[in-house]
Protein backbone atom coordinates (compact mmCIF):
# COMPACT_ATOMS: atom_id res chain seq x y z
CA MET A 1 15.93 -1.22 -1.26
CA LEU A 2 16.43 -4.33 -3.03
CA LEU A 3 13.69 -6.55 -3.06
CA ALA A 4 16.07 -9.57 -1.97
CA ASP A 5 15.93 -7.38 1.49
CA VAL A 6 12.33 -7.69 1.49
CA ALA A 7 11.95 -11.54 0.77
CA ALA A 8 14.87 -12.54 2.70
CA VAL A 9 12.90 -10.77 6.06
CA SER A 10 9.73 -12.95 4.48
CA ARG A 11 11.49 -16.17 4.55
CA ALA A 12 13.03 -14.88 8.30
CA VAL A 13 9.27 -14.14 9.65
CA ALA A 14 7.65 -17.98 8.19
CA ARG A 15 10.98 -19.84 10.22
CA THR A 16 9.90 -18.49 13.25
CA ARG A 17 6.55 -19.00 15.30
CA SER A 18 7.78 -16.46 17.98
CA ARG A 19 5.45 -13.53 17.54
CA ARG A 20 7.77 -11.04 19.18
CA ALA A 21 10.84 -12.31 17.10
CA LYS A 22 8.33 -11.99 13.89
CA ILE A 23 7.74 -8.42 14.89
CA ASP A 24 11.46 -7.39 15.73
CA LEU A 25 12.30 -8.94 12.44
CA LEU A 26 9.82 -6.67 10.29
CA ALA A 27 10.31 -3.73 12.53
CA GLY A 28 14.38 -3.97 11.92
CA LEU A 29 13.53 -3.88 8.38
CA LEU A 30 11.18 -1.05 8.32
CA ARG A 31 13.58 1.25 10.12
CA ARG A 32 16.14 0.57 6.91
CA VAL A 33 13.57 1.06 4.47
CA PRO A 34 13.33 4.43 2.20
CA PRO A 35 10.52 6.71 3.40
CA SER A 36 9.07 6.57 -0.27
CA GLU A 37 9.12 3.03 -0.17
CA VAL A 38 7.90 2.28 3.09
CA ALA A 39 3.90 1.75 1.94
CA ILE A 40 5.42 -0.98 -0.71
CA ALA A 41 7.42 -2.68 1.94
CA VAL A 42 4.29 -3.01 4.32
CA SER A 43 2.00 -4.05 1.69
CA TYR A 44 4.30 -6.52 0.40
CA LEU A 45 5.18 -8.03 3.68
CA SER A 46 1.46 -8.37 4.94
CA GLY A 47 0.81 -10.56 1.55
CA GLU A 48 -0.85 -7.58 -0.05
CA LEU A 49 0.08 -5.82 -3.65
CA PRO A 50 -0.81 -1.80 -3.34
CA GLN A 51 -2.25 -2.15 -7.06
CA GLY A 52 -4.72 -5.06 -5.76
CA ALA A 53 -5.55 -7.79 -8.51
CA ILE A 54 -3.52 -7.19 -11.20
CA GLY A 55 -4.64 -10.43 -13.57
CA VAL A 56 -1.81 -12.50 -13.11
CA GLY A 57 -3.01 -16.04 -12.41
CA TRP A 58 -1.17 -19.52 -12.08
CA ALA A 59 -1.15 -20.43 -15.39
CA SER A 60 1.05 -17.00 -16.14
CA LEU A 61 3.61 -17.83 -13.06
CA SER A 62 3.68 -22.07 -13.87
CA GLN A 63 6.49 -21.64 -16.35
CA ARG A 64 9.06 -19.04 -14.90
CA PRO A 65 12.45 -18.07 -16.78
CA PRO A 66 15.83 -18.82 -14.98
CA PRO A 67 16.56 -17.20 -12.06
CA ALA A 68 19.20 -14.48 -11.98
CA GLY A 69 22.43 -14.83 -10.37
CA GLU A 70 23.04 -11.47 -8.56
CA ARG A 71 20.59 -9.56 -6.67
CA SER A 72 19.60 -6.52 -8.47
CA LEU A 73 15.73 -5.54 -8.28
CA ALA A 74 14.66 -2.80 -6.51
CA LEU A 75 11.82 -2.53 -4.21
CA ALA A 76 10.44 0.33 -6.35
CA GLU A 77 11.36 -1.00 -9.52
CA VAL A 78 9.07 -4.03 -9.01
CA ASP A 79 6.60 -2.13 -7.76
CA ALA A 80 6.57 0.27 -10.54
CA THR A 81 6.54 -2.80 -12.93
CA LEU A 82 3.43 -4.05 -11.41
CA SER A 83 1.67 -1.06 -11.58
CA GLY A 84 2.43 -1.06 -15.33
CA LEU A 85 1.29 -4.84 -14.97
CA ALA A 86 -2.52 -3.87 -13.78
CA GLY A 87 -2.68 -0.75 -15.84
CA LEU A 88 -2.84 -3.36 -19.40
CA SER A 89 -5.93 -3.63 -21.21
CA GLY A 90 -7.39 -4.48 -24.37
CA ARG A 91 -6.40 -6.18 -27.85
CA GLY A 92 -2.36 -7.31 -27.23
CA SER A 93 -2.65 -6.69 -23.18
CA GLN A 94 -2.24 -10.53 -22.40
CA ASP A 95 1.10 -11.21 -24.70
CA ALA A 96 2.17 -7.81 -23.27
CA ARG A 97 1.41 -8.55 -19.74
CA ARG A 98 3.38 -12.28 -19.71
CA THR A 99 6.54 -10.29 -21.42
CA LEU A 100 6.69 -7.59 -18.84
CA LEU A 101 6.12 -10.75 -15.85
CA ARG A 102 8.91 -12.41 -17.81
CA GLU A 103 11.26 -9.86 -17.30
CA LEU A 104 10.54 -9.02 -14.28
CA LEU A 105 11.03 -13.06 -12.84
CA GLY A 106 14.04 -13.13 -15.49
CA ARG A 107 15.85 -10.49 -13.61
CA ALA A 108 15.03 -12.20 -9.62
CA THR A 109 17.09 -14.61 -8.20
CA GLY A 110 15.22 -17.82 -6.90
CA ASP A 111 14.37 -16.45 -3.84
CA GLU A 112 13.30 -13.40 -4.92
CA GLN A 113 10.89 -15.66 -7.90
CA GLU A 114 9.36 -17.68 -5.02
CA PHE A 115 8.49 -14.51 -3.06
CA LEU A 116 7.03 -12.63 -6.17
CA THR A 117 4.80 -15.68 -6.92
CA ALA A 118 3.37 -16.28 -3.40
CA LEU A 119 2.77 -12.81 -3.31
CA LEU A 120 0.68 -12.48 -6.59
CA LEU A 121 -0.76 -15.86 -6.13
CA GLY A 122 -2.02 -14.28 -2.47
CA GLU A 123 -0.17 -17.36 -0.87
CA LEU A 124 2.48 -15.56 0.96
CA ARG A 125 1.61 -17.76 4.36
CA GLN A 126 4.70 -16.25 6.43
CA GLY A 127 3.04 -15.33 9.60
CA ALA A 128 2.70 -11.23 9.29
CA LEU A 129 -0.95 -11.15 9.47
CA ARG A 130 -2.25 -7.67 9.95
CA GLY A 131 -2.03 -7.29 13.81
CA VAL A 132 1.67 -8.52 13.52
CA MET A 133 2.38 -5.74 10.73
CA THR A 134 1.10 -2.77 12.77
CA GLU A 135 2.87 -3.96 15.87
CA ALA A 136 5.85 -3.85 14.16
CA VAL A 137 5.35 -0.25 12.51
CA ALA A 138 4.49 0.85 16.11
CA ALA A 139 7.97 -0.88 16.93
CA ALA A 140 9.77 0.61 14.01
CA CYS A 141 8.39 4.41 14.54
CA GLY A 142 8.48 4.45 18.42
CA HIS A 143 4.84 5.12 18.81
CA PRO A 144 2.37 3.18 21.35
CA ALA A 145 0.56 -0.19 18.84
CA SER A 146 -3.03 1.59 20.34
CA GLU A 147 -2.13 4.82 18.71
CA VAL A 148 -0.96 2.92 15.37
CA ARG A 149 -3.89 0.99 15.44
CA ARG A 150 -6.18 3.78 15.73
CA ALA A 151 -4.69 5.46 12.79
CA VAL A 152 -5.29 2.36 10.74
CA MET A 153 -8.79 2.39 11.99
CA LEU A 154 -9.29 6.19 10.61
CA ALA A 155 -7.13 5.57 7.61
CA GLY A 156 -8.61 2.47 6.61
CA ASP A 157 -5.23 1.25 5.14
CA LEU A 158 -2.10 0.38 7.38
CA ALA A 159 0.41 1.14 4.71
CA THR A 160 -0.61 4.83 4.49
CA VAL A 161 -0.44 4.85 8.35
CA ALA A 162 3.21 3.26 7.90
CA ALA A 163 4.19 5.58 5.39
CA ALA A 164 3.22 8.99 7.60
CA ALA A 165 4.27 7.21 10.62
CA LEU A 166 8.20 6.63 9.31
CA GLY A 167 8.37 9.39 6.72
CA GLY A 168 8.00 12.13 9.72
CA ALA A 169 4.66 13.20 8.93
CA GLY A 170 3.31 11.49 12.17
CA LEU A 171 -0.01 10.04 13.38
CA GLN A 172 -1.38 13.65 14.36
CA GLY A 173 -3.14 13.78 10.69
CA PHE A 174 -5.44 10.81 11.10
CA SER A 175 -8.85 12.05 12.62
CA LEU A 176 -12.59 11.15 11.72
CA ARG A 177 -13.76 12.83 9.04
CA PRO A 178 -17.54 12.65 7.66
CA GLY A 179 -17.12 11.17 3.99
CA GLU A 180 -14.06 9.36 4.52
CA PRO A 181 -14.77 5.72 5.95
CA VAL A 182 -13.00 3.92 8.98
CA GLN A 183 -12.84 0.21 9.37
CA PRO A 184 -15.70 -1.30 11.44
CA MET A 185 -15.75 -2.59 14.78
CA LEU A 186 -16.02 -6.63 14.38
CA ALA A 187 -17.61 -9.29 17.08
CA HIS A 188 -16.53 -12.65 18.31
CA GLY A 189 -18.85 -15.48 18.50
CA ALA A 190 -20.44 -17.29 21.77
CA THR A 191 -22.37 -20.10 22.16
CA THR A 192 -24.96 -18.84 24.63
CA LEU A 193 -26.27 -15.42 26.46
CA GLU A 194 -24.13 -16.47 29.32
CA ASP A 195 -20.56 -17.35 27.88
CA ALA A 196 -21.29 -13.92 25.91
CA LEU A 197 -22.28 -11.95 29.56
CA ALA A 198 -19.05 -13.72 31.13
CA ARG A 199 -16.56 -11.63 28.63
CA THR A 200 -18.76 -8.41 28.12
CA GLY A 201 -19.68 -7.85 32.03
CA ASP A 202 -22.64 -5.27 31.73
CA ALA A 203 -24.01 -5.41 28.71
CA VAL A 204 -26.67 -4.12 25.99
CA ALA A 205 -27.81 -6.60 23.42
CA GLU A 206 -29.06 -5.97 19.75
CA TYR A 207 -30.76 -7.94 17.06
CA LYS A 208 -28.40 -9.30 15.07
CA LEU A 209 -29.36 -9.46 11.63
CA ASP A 210 -28.51 -11.22 8.60
CA GLY A 211 -28.11 -7.88 6.35
CA ALA A 212 -25.27 -5.78 5.00
CA ARG A 213 -23.17 -4.24 7.18
CA LEU A 214 -23.17 -0.37 6.05
CA GLN A 215 -21.69 2.54 7.54
CA VAL A 216 -23.61 6.07 6.55
CA HIS A 217 -21.77 9.28 6.91
CA ARG A 218 -23.46 13.01 6.43
CA ASP A 219 -21.58 16.32 6.06
CA GLY A 220 -24.16 19.23 5.65
CA ASP A 221 -26.08 18.17 2.45
CA ARG A 222 -23.76 15.25 1.49
CA VAL A 223 -24.42 11.73 2.38
CA TRP A 224 -22.03 8.40 1.55
CA ALA A 225 -22.53 4.92 2.25
CA PHE A 226 -19.94 2.31 2.62
CA THR A 227 -19.70 -1.10 3.10
CA ARG A 228 -17.72 -3.08 5.59
CA ASN A 229 -14.92 -3.37 2.77
CA LEU A 230 -14.98 0.36 2.56
CA ALA A 231 -16.51 -0.07 -0.71
CA ASP A 232 -18.50 3.47 -1.71
CA VAL A 233 -22.37 2.38 -2.44
CA THR A 234 -23.73 5.54 -2.19
CA GLY A 235 -25.42 5.58 -5.25
CA ARG A 236 -26.63 2.16 -4.89
CA VAL A 237 -28.93 2.92 -1.66
CA PRO A 238 -31.03 6.16 -2.25
CA GLU A 239 -33.46 4.99 0.23
CA ILE A 240 -30.73 4.91 2.79
CA VAL A 241 -29.24 8.25 1.97
CA GLU A 242 -32.81 9.70 1.99
CA ALA A 243 -33.54 8.72 5.11
CA VAL A 244 -30.20 9.96 6.64
CA ALA A 245 -30.44 13.38 4.76
CA ALA A 246 -33.72 13.98 6.16
CA LEU A 247 -32.41 13.70 9.91
CA PRO A 248 -32.23 17.08 11.68
CA LEU A 249 -28.60 17.04 12.01
CA ASP A 250 -25.62 18.82 10.69
CA SER A 251 -23.02 15.63 10.60
CA VAL A 252 -23.06 12.52 11.73
CA VAL A 253 -21.42 9.13 11.26
CA LEU A 254 -23.50 5.79 11.96
CA ASP A 255 -22.57 2.41 11.68
CA GLY A 256 -25.64 -0.15 11.09
CA GLU A 257 -26.79 -2.84 9.10
CA ALA A 258 -28.69 -3.16 5.72
CA ILE A 259 -31.59 -5.30 5.28
CA ALA A 260 -34.37 -6.50 3.11
CA LEU A 261 -37.48 -6.99 4.52
CA GLY A 262 -40.52 -8.83 3.31
CA PRO A 263 -44.25 -8.95 4.68
CA GLY A 264 -44.37 -8.53 8.18
CA GLY A 265 -41.08 -6.91 8.53
CA ARG A 266 -39.55 -10.37 8.30
CA PRO A 267 -36.36 -10.53 6.81
CA LEU A 268 -35.44 -11.69 3.21
CA ALA A 269 -33.31 -13.95 2.11
CA PHE A 270 -29.68 -12.92 2.35
CA GLN A 271 -29.10 -12.86 -1.24
CA GLU A 272 -31.94 -10.70 -1.90
CA THR A 273 -30.34 -8.14 0.06
CA MET A 274 -26.89 -8.68 -1.49
CA SER A 275 -28.58 -8.30 -4.78
CA ARG A 276 -28.85 -4.46 -4.10
CA PHE A 277 -25.27 -3.88 -3.77
CA GLY A 278 -24.65 -5.68 -7.10
CA SER A 279 -27.55 -3.08 -8.84
CA ARG A 280 -25.27 -0.43 -10.23
CA LEU A 281 -27.54 0.63 -13.56
CA ASP A 282 -31.32 0.56 -12.80
CA VAL A 283 -31.15 1.56 -9.37
CA ALA A 284 -34.81 2.24 -9.30
CA ARG A 285 -36.06 -0.48 -10.12
CA ALA A 286 -34.19 -2.76 -7.85
CA ARG A 287 -35.25 -0.28 -5.23
CA GLU A 288 -38.83 -0.79 -6.34
CA ARG A 289 -38.41 -4.57 -6.19
CA THR A 290 -36.34 -4.87 -3.34
CA PRO A 291 -36.26 -1.89 -0.93
CA LEU A 292 -33.99 -2.08 2.01
CA SER A 293 -34.13 -0.67 5.62
CA PHE A 294 -31.16 0.72 7.70
CA PHE A 295 -31.08 -0.08 11.43
CA ALA A 296 -28.30 1.65 13.25
CA PHE A 297 -26.32 0.28 16.27
CA ASP A 298 -23.41 2.76 16.04
CA VAL A 299 -22.87 6.27 16.12
CA LEU A 300 -18.90 7.44 16.03
CA HIS A 301 -19.59 11.06 15.46
CA LEU A 302 -22.51 13.61 15.55
CA ASP A 303 -22.55 17.53 15.01
CA GLY A 304 -18.94 17.59 15.20
CA ALA A 305 -18.05 15.78 17.93
CA ASP A 306 -15.98 12.25 18.06
CA LEU A 307 -17.52 9.42 19.59
CA LEU A 308 -15.33 6.72 19.07
CA ASP A 309 -13.80 6.79 22.68
CA ARG A 310 -17.37 7.03 24.72
CA PRO A 311 -18.23 4.18 25.95
CA GLN A 312 -20.82 2.03 24.56
CA HIS A 313 -23.43 3.14 26.87
CA GLU A 314 -22.85 6.88 25.92
CA ARG A 315 -22.75 6.11 22.40
CA SER A 316 -26.19 4.26 22.55
CA ALA A 317 -27.74 7.13 24.29
CA ALA A 318 -26.71 9.38 21.67
CA LEU A 319 -28.36 6.98 19.04
CA ALA A 320 -31.37 6.88 20.75
CA GLY A 321 -31.12 10.80 21.35
CA SER A 322 -30.58 11.64 17.72
CA LEU A 323 -32.60 9.20 15.26
CA PRO A 324 -35.98 8.13 15.43
CA PRO A 325 -36.63 4.78 16.66
CA GLU A 326 -37.57 3.11 13.43
CA LEU A 327 -33.82 3.74 12.50
CA VAL A 328 -32.53 2.33 15.66
CA MET A 329 -31.20 -1.62 16.03
CA PRO A 330 -33.64 -2.87 18.73
CA CYS A 331 -31.83 -3.65 22.13
CA ALA A 332 -32.40 -4.34 25.61
CA ILE A 333 -30.32 -4.41 28.64
CA GLY A 334 -30.33 -7.02 31.64
CA ASP A 335 -28.77 -10.17 32.97
CA ALA A 336 -28.80 -13.29 30.84
CA GLY A 337 -32.32 -14.00 32.26
CA ALA A 338 -33.69 -11.22 30.84
CA LEU A 339 -31.73 -11.20 27.66
CA ARG A 340 -33.03 -14.75 27.17
CA GLY A 341 -36.95 -13.38 25.56
CA PHE A 342 -35.09 -10.84 23.87
CA PHE A 343 -32.86 -13.41 22.07
CA ASP A 344 -36.17 -15.87 21.61
CA ALA A 345 -37.70 -12.47 20.08
CA ALA A 346 -35.15 -11.73 17.67
CA ILE A 347 -35.28 -15.44 16.45
CA ALA A 348 -39.12 -15.28 16.40
CA ALA A 349 -38.76 -12.17 14.13
CA GLY A 350 -36.74 -14.22 11.60
CA HIS A 351 -32.89 -12.51 12.63
CA GLU A 352 -30.16 -14.77 13.47
CA GLY A 353 -29.80 -13.81 17.51
CA VAL A 354 -28.15 -11.05 18.94
CA VAL A 355 -25.12 -8.63 19.51
CA VAL A 356 -23.90 -8.36 23.31
CA LYS A 357 -22.11 -5.37 23.59
CA SER A 358 -19.95 -3.95 26.63
CA LEU A 359 -21.58 -0.89 28.15
CA ASP A 360 -18.24 0.02 28.93
CA ALA A 361 -16.28 -0.23 26.04
CA PRO A 362 -15.25 2.23 23.36
CA TYR A 363 -15.30 1.80 19.70
CA GLU A 364 -12.22 -0.22 18.62
CA ALA A 365 -12.64 -0.14 14.89
CA GLY A 366 -11.18 -3.07 12.48
CA ARG A 367 -10.50 -5.25 15.76
CA ARG A 368 -11.89 -8.34 16.96
CA GLY A 369 -12.54 -8.04 20.63
CA ALA A 370 -14.09 -9.32 23.72
CA ALA A 371 -16.01 -6.39 23.97
CA TRP A 372 -18.89 -7.46 21.14
CA VAL A 373 -20.01 -11.45 20.86
CA LYS A 374 -22.45 -12.38 18.75
CA VAL A 375 -24.85 -15.38 19.86
CA LYS A 376 -26.53 -16.97 16.89
CA ARG A 377 -29.10 -19.89 17.11
CA VAL A 378 -27.40 -22.39 15.33
CA HIS A 379 -23.32 -22.70 15.07
CA THR A 380 -21.75 -21.49 12.34
CA LEU A 381 -18.21 -20.19 11.03
CA ASP A 382 -16.93 -17.92 8.52
CA LEU A 383 -14.28 -20.43 6.68
CA VAL A 384 -11.97 -19.91 3.67
CA VAL A 385 -12.03 -22.49 0.70
CA LEU A 386 -8.88 -23.93 0.60
CA ALA A 387 -9.63 -26.38 -2.40
CA ALA A 388 -12.69 -28.10 -4.42
CA GLU A 389 -13.06 -31.62 -5.49
CA TRP A 390 -14.79 -32.70 -8.78
CA GLY A 391 -18.32 -33.74 -8.36
CA HIS A 392 -19.74 -37.27 -9.42
CA GLY A 393 -23.21 -38.15 -10.72
CA ARG A 394 -25.27 -35.10 -11.38
CA ARG A 395 -22.34 -33.13 -10.08
CA ARG A 396 -19.75 -34.38 -12.77
CA GLY A 397 -17.99 -31.42 -14.02
CA MET A 398 -18.69 -29.16 -11.21
CA LEU A 399 -16.25 -28.42 -8.20
CA SER A 400 -18.51 -29.39 -5.60
CA ASN A 401 -16.28 -31.17 -2.57
CA LEU A 402 -15.38 -27.81 -0.64
CA HIS A 403 -11.98 -27.99 1.63
CA LEU A 404 -12.48 -25.48 4.30
CA GLY A 405 -10.13 -23.92 6.38
CA ALA A 406 -9.68 -21.32 9.45
CA ARG A 407 -7.26 -19.00 10.39
CA GLY A 408 -4.01 -19.78 11.72
CA PRO A 409 -1.16 -18.01 12.59
CA ASP A 410 0.93 -18.88 9.62
CA GLY A 411 -1.85 -19.62 6.82
CA PHE A 412 -5.05 -21.72 7.17
CA VAL A 413 -5.67 -24.60 8.61
CA MET A 414 -8.10 -27.12 7.27
CA LEU A 415 -11.29 -28.42 9.06
CA GLY A 416 -13.04 -30.42 7.17
CA LYS A 417 -14.92 -30.43 3.63
CA THR A 418 -18.64 -30.42 2.60
CA PHE A 419 -20.89 -30.30 -0.52
CA LYS A 420 -23.77 -30.09 1.69
CA GLY A 421 -26.50 -27.03 0.95
CA LEU A 422 -25.38 -26.24 -2.39
CA THR A 423 -27.80 -25.68 -5.12
CA ASP A 424 -27.05 -26.37 -8.73
CA ASP A 425 -26.90 -22.21 -9.15
CA LEU A 426 -24.83 -22.12 -6.91
CA LEU A 427 -22.38 -24.80 -8.29
CA ARG A 428 -22.44 -23.47 -11.41
CA TRP A 429 -21.38 -20.16 -10.12
CA GLN A 430 -18.70 -21.55 -7.55
CA THR A 431 -17.19 -24.10 -9.94
CA GLU A 432 -16.51 -20.51 -12.44
CA ARG A 433 -14.96 -18.57 -9.37
CA LEU A 434 -13.00 -21.34 -7.86
CA LEU A 435 -11.36 -22.23 -11.30
CA GLU A 436 -10.34 -18.34 -11.58
CA LEU A 437 -8.72 -18.74 -8.23
CA ALA A 438 -7.19 -22.07 -9.24
CA THR A 439 -3.20 -22.56 -8.22
CA GLY A 440 -2.79 -25.86 -9.25
CA ARG A 441 -4.20 -29.35 -9.25
CA ALA A 442 -3.56 -33.02 -7.89
CA GLY A 443 -6.01 -35.75 -9.74
CA HIS A 444 -9.58 -34.82 -8.59
CA VAL A 445 -8.66 -31.66 -6.33
CA VAL A 446 -8.18 -28.01 -7.46
CA HIS A 447 -6.33 -25.90 -5.24
CA VAL A 448 -7.18 -22.19 -5.21
CA ARG A 449 -6.23 -18.94 -3.88
CA PRO A 450 -7.58 -18.62 -0.28
CA GLU A 451 -9.87 -15.94 -1.21
CA LEU A 452 -13.27 -16.74 -0.77
CA VAL A 453 -15.23 -17.03 2.58
CA VAL A 454 -18.27 -19.25 3.25
CA GLU A 455 -20.30 -19.18 6.17
CA VAL A 456 -20.79 -22.97 7.12
CA ALA A 457 -23.52 -24.16 9.68
CA PHE A 458 -22.48 -27.46 11.83
CA ASP A 459 -23.45 -29.75 14.45
CA GLY A 460 -20.45 -29.91 16.14
CA LEU A 461 -16.92 -30.24 16.53
CA GLN A 462 -14.79 -33.51 16.92
CA THR A 463 -11.14 -34.53 17.69
CA SER A 464 -9.50 -35.84 14.21
CA PRO A 465 -6.17 -36.41 13.59
CA ARG A 466 -6.71 -36.25 9.81
CA TYR A 467 -6.52 -32.65 10.14
CA PRO A 468 -3.69 -30.35 11.57
CA GLY A 469 -5.66 -28.69 13.58
CA GLY A 470 -6.91 -31.81 15.45
CA LEU A 471 -10.58 -30.78 14.85
CA ALA A 472 -12.82 -31.50 12.36
CA LEU A 473 -16.82 -29.87 11.43
CA ARG A 474 -19.66 -32.39 12.05
CA PHE A 475 -22.10 -32.09 9.65
CA ALA A 476 -21.11 -29.28 7.96
CA ARG A 477 -22.94 -27.56 5.24
CA VAL A 478 -22.85 -24.28 3.32
CA LYS A 479 -25.18 -21.75 4.84
CA ARG A 480 -24.04 -18.96 1.85
CA TYR A 481 -21.25 -17.51 0.57
CA ARG A 482 -19.93 -13.92 2.23
CA PRO A 483 -18.61 -11.97 -0.71
CA ASP A 484 -18.81 -8.81 1.77
CA LYS A 485 -16.08 -10.53 3.59
CA ASP A 486 -12.17 -10.88 2.84
CA ALA A 487 -10.34 -14.25 3.92
CA SER A 488 -8.53 -11.75 6.60
CA GLU A 489 -12.17 -11.65 8.49
CA ALA A 490 -12.82 -15.42 8.68
CA ASP A 491 -12.88 -17.05 12.04
CA THR A 492 -9.63 -18.15 13.32
CA ILE A 493 -8.25 -21.48 14.68
CA GLU A 494 -8.70 -20.16 18.75
CA ARG A 495 -12.20 -19.19 17.99
CA VAL A 496 -12.97 -22.77 16.55
CA ARG A 497 -10.99 -24.35 19.73
CA ALA A 498 -12.83 -22.05 21.57
CA LEU A 499 -16.07 -24.12 20.90
CA VAL A 500 -14.94 -27.26 22.53
CA ALA A 501 -13.13 -25.88 25.23
CA PRO A 502 -14.32 -26.89 28.44
CA ARG A 503 -16.28 -24.24 30.61
CA PRO A 504 -14.36 -23.37 33.90
């Protein structure tokens, strides 16, 4: 298939606001893609590169060669060139990368150049987010969307599932196997326990820790640990590996939270916990300095049986019956009145709040549904940095004022700016990282690829004609960066609007 066909569908998808129309356009293309190129097309139309980051930034793309007059670039050809770019390293690699990139763009038409530039910069804002692409794959292959979502959950990659579904292999080969991580189930947010219970119905509440999401697998004598992004960190958390290896079980897949605790069991700062995941060399010393505790809150597989489709109350019972209490997340069942004391106890212990979970819900990996709802002590949102402004005074020479956006149907929706909560160390790190992500400058504003997720605390929301979403954050301040989260996991504009929606 030609790259021009993919680029044309991308433009058409960007021009329509109808979700159904987007799905139909994408599915129509996927039915025509040769099986060997399905994974490439799905990745590109999702705004992703199969190779991941390949070292091409705005500087390399700012001066493009004249576009070609005819369409000639094949999809597989483009993918092979980008793989070549990703593999370049060492002396002379920069020159070789520029040469390869210029040759590729020189064979592309104007529309293809625009598509490739947006794809390489991570700015393909066409409204074909993962949920839309998943439904398009389902429509193209004739499987129910729920079956495709489940396969993606187990495979951890939509492009792989699409290639199997449209290539004739089907979805039967995707199952839960210890040692192969699955996408984690996610939670929405609510401001009160009453709001959370109104969504979940009968529920169990668990402590919401300010730690690192961790999925731990065991199969016989082997144990693996994976982050929420499915990165293998087994070698960095030996104390957790040892604890799970000591359980009287043959196989298990646990979902939980790793956290560094101080005297009296109170949590240390989030950065202390995350520092353990950056320690690759002297793990023993890092363990001695900052030991991690693990609290499991779900079990997805137990001694040969998959529990994903079992209701929450059955999984909770299986968890409590197979793990010692010190490895199980504290929890309670009751109405809002009964859970108020539990929430207060979580806050008093230094934790963020609670997660309220429907007792009847299955484990829907990779989804952020109404079955899990987190209630924190303060209002916080996970937003994406869209741009930053050069600072003044003592912050001169550093990127300070952040432009913050929530996920919208066709990109990111700006909600305001803040420079509050930034330490000098964080300002220095932030400046270096944002310059790496820079895509262009306008006066004192540096625009960046929307990749960095930052947790922002705020006092409230107010209507504002200044911003496209009609809302602005009040007294926003940076709580922390979230290197464990992708931009696709940031809060949505719908979630923000729900915070100010009147109660029925």
